[in-house]
Amino acid sequence: MSKSLHHQIVVRARDIITDPSCWVSGELARTADGHSIDPLDARAFGFCAVGALRRAAHELAADHARLADSVQTLLEEYVYRHHPGLDETLEGLNDEGDHSLIVGIFDDFLGTHAA
């Protein structure tokens, strides 16, 4: 059975930030030389969790408006239910946490939502 589009977006977003040098905090995305940029711009090199979701949703389903927002909400609801005590927003988790926390949240979500 194929994976849901939401699942595919989280997988792709995780792939985007797997390398710690491609993960950022405090911005949705940055260029290779550190300038803030829209995550959909081809020059984007580093992404926060939300920026990676936006980029992944655009890559997989560019014609689906607000898809990244819906996946972000799904992940935040997951964190609220399964990780009490953590900031419930992806922005907060990303900016107050570290790379391993974000990748771990994505991995945990993907393991729980295998379909």
C-alpha atoms as a PDB file:
ATOM      1  CA  MET A   1       0.000   0.000   0.000  1.00  0.00           C
ATOM      2  CA  SER A   2       1.334   3.450  -0.821  1.00  0.00           C
ATOM      3  CA  LYS A   3       2.048   5.988   1.870  1.00  0.00           C
ATOM      4  CA  SER A   4      -0.213   9.006   2.373  1.00  0.00           C
ATOM      5  CA  LEU A   5       0.865  12.326   0.898  1.00  0.00           C
ATOM      6  CA  HIS A   6       1.301  13.710   4.426  1.00  0.00           C
ATOM      7  CA  HIS A   7       3.656  10.846   5.256  1.00  0.00           C
ATOM      8  CA  GLN A   8       5.602  11.369   2.024  1.00  0.00           C
ATOM      9  CA  ILE A   9       6.015  15.071   2.830  1.00  0.00           C
ATOM     10  CA  VAL A  10       7.429  14.326   6.283  1.00  0.00           C
ATOM     11  CA  VAL A  11       9.802  11.755   4.763  1.00  0.00           C
ATOM     12  CA  ARG A  12      11.020  14.293   2.203  1.00  0.00           C
ATOM     13  CA  ALA A  13      11.304  17.074   4.798  1.00  0.00           C
ATOM     14  CA  ARG A  14      13.400  14.774   6.976  1.00  0.00           C
ATOM     15  CA  ASP A  15      15.615  13.974   3.991  1.00  0.00           C
ATOM     16  CA  ILE A  16      16.100  17.693   3.362  1.00  0.00           C
ATOM     17  CA  ILE A  17      17.483  18.289   6.863  1.00  0.00           C
ATOM     18  CA  THR A  18      19.198  14.925   7.474  1.00  0.00           C
ATOM     19  CA  ASP A  19      22.625  16.512   7.082  1.00  0.00           C
ATOM     20  CA  PRO A  20      23.096  18.874  10.065  1.00  0.00           C
ATOM     21  CA  SER A  21      24.713  21.425   7.746  1.00  0.00           C
ATOM     22  CA  CYS A  22      21.344  21.677   5.932  1.00  0.00           C
ATOM     23  CA  TRP A  23      19.383  22.441   9.116  1.00  0.00           C
ATOM     24  CA  VAL A  24      18.946  25.982  10.464  1.00  0.00           C
ATOM     25  CA  SER A  25      17.171  27.743  13.300  1.00  0.00           C
ATOM     26  CA  GLY A  26      15.709  31.219  13.458  1.00  0.00           C
ATOM     27  CA  GLU A  27      14.829  31.318   9.732  1.00  0.00           C
ATOM     28  CA  LEU A  28      12.676  29.236   7.412  1.00  0.00           C
ATOM     29  CA  ALA A  29      15.606  28.838   5.044  1.00  0.00           C
ATOM     30  CA  ARG A  30      19.040  30.226   4.263  1.00  0.00           C
ATOM     31  CA  THR A  31      21.334  30.290   1.272  1.00  0.00           C
ATOM     32  CA  ALA A  32      24.690  28.492   1.411  1.00  0.00           C
ATOM     33  CA  ASP A  33      26.285  31.788   2.449  1.00  0.00           C
ATOM     34  CA  GLY A  34      23.795  32.321   5.298  1.00  0.00           C
ATOM     35  CA  HIS A  35      21.282  34.810   3.882  1.00  0.00           C
ATOM     36  CA  SER A  36      17.599  34.420   4.753  1.00  0.00           C
ATOM     37  CA  ILE A  37      15.566  33.169   1.782  1.00  0.00           C
ATOM     38  CA  ASP A  38      12.171  31.689   0.973  1.00  0.00           C
ATOM     39  CA  PRO A  39      12.285  27.890   1.362  1.00  0.00           C
ATOM     40  CA  LEU A  40      10.862  27.465  -2.149  1.00  0.00           C
ATOM     41  CA  ASP A  41      13.706  29.414  -3.749  1.00  0.00           C
ATOM     42  CA  ALA A  42      16.126  27.201  -5.676  1.00  0.00           C
ATOM     43  CA  ARG A  43      19.043  28.857  -3.841  1.00  0.00           C
ATOM     44  CA  ALA A  44      17.802  27.664  -0.437  1.00  0.00           C
ATOM     45  CA  PHE A  45      20.383  25.393   1.158  1.00  0.00           C
ATOM     46  CA  GLY A  46      19.551  25.180   4.871  1.00  0.00           C
ATOM     47  CA  PHE A  47      16.053  24.725   6.255  1.00  0.00           C
ATOM     48  CA  CYS A  48      14.321  24.720   9.610  1.00  0.00           C
ATOM     49  CA  ALA A  49      11.663  22.053  10.259  1.00  0.00           C
ATOM     50  CA  VAL A  50       8.858  24.266   8.928  1.00  0.00           C
ATOM     51  CA  GLY A  51      10.875  25.412   5.923  1.00  0.00           C
ATOM     52  CA  ALA A  52      11.691  21.798   5.090  1.00  0.00           C
ATOM     53  CA  LEU A  53       7.982  20.891   5.251  1.00  0.00           C
ATOM     54  CA  ARG A  54       7.143  23.789   2.944  1.00  0.00           C
ATOM     55  CA  ARG A  55       9.845  22.796   0.488  1.00  0.00           C
ATOM     56  CA  ALA A  56       8.788  19.130   0.582  1.00  0.00           C
ATOM     57  CA  ALA A  57       5.101  19.946   0.060  1.00  0.00           C
ATOM     58  CA  HIS A  58       6.007  22.176  -2.878  1.00  0.00           C
ATOM     59  CA  GLU A  59       8.179  19.473  -4.432  1.00  0.00           C
ATOM     60  CA  LEU A  60       5.571  16.743  -4.044  1.00  0.00           C
ATOM     61  CA  ALA A  61       2.314  18.642  -4.627  1.00  0.00           C
ATOM     62  CA  ALA A  62       2.909  22.238  -5.706  1.00  0.00           C
ATOM     63  CA  ASP A  63      -0.725  22.688  -6.706  1.00  0.00           C
ATOM     64  CA  HIS A  64      -2.086  21.871  -3.225  1.00  0.00           C
ATOM     65  CA  ALA A  65      -2.369  25.181  -1.406  1.00  0.00           C
ATOM     66  CA  ARG A  66      -1.908  25.028   2.358  1.00  0.00           C
ATOM     67  CA  LEU A  67      -0.714  21.407   2.322  1.00  0.00           C
ATOM     68  CA  ALA A  68       2.429  22.231   4.313  1.00  0.00           C
ATOM     69  CA  ASP A  69       0.275  23.962   6.940  1.00  0.00           C
ATOM     70  CA  SER A  70      -1.873  20.864   7.292  1.00  0.00           C
ATOM     71  CA  VAL A  71       1.191  18.615   7.716  1.00  0.00           C
ATOM     72  CA  GLN A  72       2.662  21.064  10.239  1.00  0.00           C
ATOM     73  CA  THR A  73      -0.582  20.959  12.239  1.00  0.00           C
ATOM     74  CA  LEU A  74      -0.563  17.155  12.142  1.00  0.00           C
ATOM     75  CA  LEU A  75       3.016  17.057  13.479  1.00  0.00           C
ATOM     76  CA  GLU A  76       2.243  19.610  16.195  1.00  0.00           C
ATOM     77  CA  GLU A  77      -0.786  17.604  17.323  1.00  0.00           C
ATOM     78  CA  TYR A  78       1.425  14.519  17.430  1.00  0.00           C
ATOM     79  CA  VAL A  79       4.005  16.296  19.607  1.00  0.00           C
ATOM     80  CA  TYR A  80       1.239  17.540  21.923  1.00  0.00           C
ATOM     81  CA  ARG A  81      -0.101  14.004  22.399  1.00  0.00           C
ATOM     82  CA  HIS A  82       3.137  12.006  22.479  1.00  0.00           C
ATOM     83  CA  HIS A  83       5.749  14.374  23.860  1.00  0.00           C
ATOM     84  CA  PRO A  84       4.170  16.306  26.724  1.00  0.00           C
ATOM     85  CA  GLY A  85       6.444  18.979  28.060  1.00  0.00           C
ATOM     86  CA  LEU A  86       7.946  19.861  24.694  1.00  0.00           C
ATOM     87  CA  ASP A  87       7.037  23.068  22.925  1.00  0.00           C
ATOM     88  CA  GLU A  88       4.063  22.214  20.745  1.00  0.00           C
ATOM     89  CA  THR A  89       4.997  24.409  17.803  1.00  0.00           C
ATOM     90  CA  LEU A  90       7.498  23.256  15.232  1.00  0.00           C
ATOM     91  CA  GLU A  91       8.995  26.744  15.206  1.00  0.00           C
ATOM     92  CA  GLY A  92       9.560  26.563  18.952  1.00  0.00           C
ATOM     93  CA  LEU A  93      10.935  23.028  18.847  1.00  0.00           C
ATOM     94  CA  ASN A  94      13.254  23.951  16.015  1.00  0.00           C
ATOM     95  CA  ASP A  95      14.519  27.210  17.495  1.00  0.00           C
ATOM     96  CA  GLU A  96      14.797  26.050  21.109  1.00  0.00           C
ATOM     97  CA  GLY A  97      15.999  22.528  20.339  1.00  0.00           C
ATOM     98  CA  ASP A  98      18.685  21.131  18.143  1.00  0.00           C
ATOM     99  CA  HIS A  99      19.054  19.130  14.946  1.00  0.00           C
ATOM    100  CA  SER A 100      18.819  15.741  16.647  1.00  0.00           C
ATOM    101  CA  LEU A 101      15.562  16.706  18.395  1.00  0.00           C
ATOM    102  CA  ILE A 102      13.906  17.694  15.116  1.00  0.00           C
ATOM    103  CA  VAL A 103      15.095  14.629  13.212  1.00  0.00           C
ATOM    104  CA  GLY A 104      14.018  12.481  16.176  1.00  0.00           C
ATOM    105  CA  ILE A 105      10.516  14.001  16.171  1.00  0.00           C
ATOM    106  CA  PHE A 106      10.213  13.367  12.425  1.00  0.00           C
ATOM    107  CA  ASP A 107      11.474   9.782  12.871  1.00  0.00           C
ATOM    108  CA  ASP A 108       9.130   9.136  15.788  1.00  0.00           C
ATOM    109  CA  PHE A 109       6.171  10.501  13.836  1.00  0.00           C
ATOM    110  CA  LEU A 110       7.072   8.431  10.774  1.00  0.00           C
ATOM    111  CA  GLY A 111       7.434   5.278  12.864  1.00  0.00           C
ATOM    112  CA  THR A 112       4.034   5.822  14.450  1.00  0.00           C
ATOM    113  CA  HIS A 113       2.307   6.833  11.217  1.00  0.00           C
ATOM    114  CA  ALA A 114       3.657   4.147   8.928  1.00  0.00           C
ATOM    115  CA  ALA A 115       0.801   4.525   6.450  1.00  0.00           C
END
